[in-house]
Protein backbone atom coordinates (compact mmCIF):
# COMPACT_ATOMS: atom_id res chain seq x y z
CA MET A 1 119.40 38.64 172.24
CA LYS A 2 118.41 42.46 170.73
CA ILE A 3 121.03 44.48 169.20
CA ALA A 4 120.67 48.17 168.59
CA LEU A 5 122.46 48.88 165.36
CA GLY A 6 123.54 52.67 163.92
CA SER A 7 125.60 54.19 161.63
CA ASP A 8 126.46 57.95 160.36
CA HIS A 9 126.29 57.71 156.62
CA ALA A 10 129.96 56.94 156.35
CA GLY A 11 129.02 53.84 158.02
CA PHE A 12 125.82 53.16 156.19
CA THR A 13 126.70 50.61 153.80
CA LEU A 14 128.48 48.35 156.64
CA LYS A 15 125.55 48.93 159.05
CA GLN A 16 123.10 47.65 156.46
CA LEU A 17 125.04 44.55 155.77
CA LEU A 18 125.18 43.84 159.42
CA LEU A 19 121.48 44.26 159.64
CA GLU A 20 121.20 41.48 157.54
CA LYS A 21 123.33 39.05 158.97
CA LEU A 22 122.28 39.68 162.07
CA LYS A 23 118.67 39.20 160.88
CA SER A 24 119.58 35.97 159.18
CA GLU A 25 121.05 34.81 162.30
CA GLY A 26 117.98 35.19 164.49
CA TYR A 27 119.02 38.34 166.21
CA GLU A 28 116.28 40.71 166.93
CA VAL A 29 117.77 44.19 165.54
CA LEU A 30 116.61 47.77 166.42
CA ASP A 31 117.70 49.93 163.68
CA LEU A 32 118.23 53.42 164.62
CA GLY A 33 119.57 54.54 161.67
CA THR A 34 120.57 56.87 159.57
CA ASP A 35 118.79 55.42 156.44
CA SER A 36 120.57 56.26 153.38
CA LEU A 37 124.44 57.86 152.17
CA GLU A 38 122.99 61.16 152.87
CA SER A 39 125.40 63.27 155.23
CA VAL A 40 124.35 63.07 159.17
CA ASP A 41 126.37 63.64 161.95
CA TYR A 42 127.43 60.99 163.69
CA PRO A 43 126.79 61.79 167.42
CA ASP A 44 123.09 61.87 166.82
CA PHE A 45 123.48 57.74 166.34
CA GLY A 46 126.58 56.64 168.65
CA GLU A 47 124.27 58.65 171.32
CA ALA A 48 120.86 56.92 170.29
CA VAL A 49 123.13 53.18 169.84
CA GLY A 50 124.11 54.17 173.53
CA LYS A 51 120.65 55.15 174.89
CA ALA A 52 119.07 52.08 173.43
CA VAL A 53 121.66 49.87 175.64
CA ALA A 54 121.80 51.28 178.97
CA GLY A 55 118.15 51.89 178.78
CA GLY A 56 117.62 48.37 178.44
CA GLU A 57 116.06 47.98 174.73
CA ALA A 58 118.81 46.11 173.42
CA ASP A 59 121.22 43.93 175.38
CA PHE A 60 124.16 45.13 173.06
CA GLY A 61 125.27 47.78 170.06
CA ILE A 62 127.04 48.04 167.32
CA ALA A 63 127.57 51.81 165.81
CA CYS A 64 129.43 52.37 162.73
CA CYS A 65 131.10 55.51 161.12
CA GLY A 66 134.06 56.37 158.95
CA THR A 67 136.59 55.71 161.43
CA GLY A 68 134.51 54.20 163.99
CA ILE A 69 136.22 56.74 166.71
CA GLY A 70 133.74 59.50 166.48
CA ILE A 71 130.79 57.28 167.21
CA SER A 72 132.55 55.34 169.82
CA ILE A 73 133.24 58.95 171.66
CA ALA A 74 129.35 59.72 171.01
CA ALA A 75 128.37 56.27 172.35
CA ASN A 76 130.64 56.64 174.90
CA LYS A 77 128.86 60.03 176.60
CA VAL A 78 126.30 57.62 177.74
CA LYS A 79 126.59 56.38 181.38
CA GLY A 80 126.78 53.02 181.55
CA ILE A 81 128.30 52.05 178.01
CA ARG A 82 131.66 50.75 177.09
CA ALA A 83 131.66 51.71 173.32
CA ALA A 84 134.84 49.92 172.08
CA VAL A 85 136.30 50.44 168.43
CA VAL A 86 137.91 47.34 166.84
CA HIS A 87 139.85 46.30 163.92
CA ASP A 88 140.03 42.94 164.22
CA VAL A 89 138.16 39.59 165.80
CA SER A 90 140.97 39.99 168.58
CA SER A 91 140.53 43.20 169.30
CA ALA A 92 136.35 42.28 169.41
CA MET A 93 136.84 39.85 171.45
CA LEU A 94 139.10 41.42 174.02
CA ALA A 95 136.44 44.27 174.48
CA ARG A 96 134.16 41.92 175.65
CA GLU A 97 136.50 39.33 177.63
CA HIS A 98 138.36 42.36 179.54
CA ASN A 99 136.43 45.57 178.97
CA ASP A 100 133.08 44.03 179.37
CA ALA A 101 132.37 46.29 176.24
CA ASN A 102 128.38 46.67 175.44
CA VAL A 103 128.81 48.90 172.31
CA LEU A 104 131.27 47.59 169.58
CA CYS A 105 132.66 50.23 167.24
CA PHE A 106 133.44 49.79 163.52
CA GLY A 107 135.35 52.35 161.12
CA ALA A 108 133.60 51.35 157.76
CA ARG A 109 136.66 53.09 155.61
CA LEU A 110 139.05 50.93 157.35
CA ILE A 111 137.22 47.30 158.08
CA GLY A 112 136.23 44.70 155.48
CA ASP A 113 132.91 43.58 155.87
CA VAL A 114 134.43 39.78 156.18
CA VAL A 115 136.87 40.98 159.27
CA ALA A 116 133.39 43.24 160.84
CA PHE A 117 131.10 39.86 160.46
CA ASP A 118 133.97 37.79 162.04
CA SER A 119 134.11 40.31 164.41
CA VAL A 120 130.41 40.59 165.44
CA ASP A 121 130.65 36.63 165.68
CA ALA A 122 133.80 36.88 167.87
CA PHE A 123 132.14 39.68 169.87
CA LEU A 124 128.71 38.42 170.68
CA SER A 125 130.15 34.72 171.60
CA ALA A 126 132.47 36.37 173.84
CA THR A 127 131.68 37.34 177.58
CA PHE A 128 133.30 39.21 180.18
CA GLU A 129 135.97 37.19 182.59
CA GLY A 130 135.63 39.19 185.56
CA GLY A 131 138.08 38.26 187.97
CA ARG A 132 141.00 40.96 187.45
CA HIS A 133 139.05 42.77 185.19
CA GLU A 134 136.03 43.57 187.36
CA LYS A 135 137.94 46.59 189.68
CA ARG A 136 138.96 47.90 186.22
CA ILE A 137 135.36 48.39 185.24
CA ALA A 138 134.12 49.13 188.35
CA LYS A 139 136.64 52.28 188.30
CA LEU A 140 135.31 52.92 184.75
CA SER A 141 131.22 53.08 186.45
CA LEU A 142 133.06 55.46 188.85
CA LEU A 143 133.98 57.98 186.43
CA ASP A 144 130.31 57.64 185.40
CA GLU A 145 129.18 58.97 188.73
CA LYS A 146 132.05 61.39 189.16
CA ASN A 147 131.44 63.63 186.03
CA GLU A 148 127.70 63.45 186.13
């Protein structure tokens, strides 16, 4: 499985920890930056992660900024992306199971490393349940089409 990983400066340290974790677990990781603590703009990295996932370069994405909110908004602007800001294992698992999320977003200033690691594990091991959730995901896809 290939994971696209990106962050702004506020998420850089968490991104680097996630990069090490994912690689050590055998995941192929596409590191889309940033590469330092120098101030950068989160929309650039949210878009990059979104495009990598939507374009098939990666199976899933993980994006980090200070709160997770800005970078998730940026990723969600890419057609076909369902980016979810999560704060714990339950929200990470449900993002996959109920919302078929394909990008996981963290607020590095709000979440601890261990919770982030456990949330990544929950997200990547969960699968979309389908069923009653399918029509809702279809409606999200229609929003992409309506707003082109």
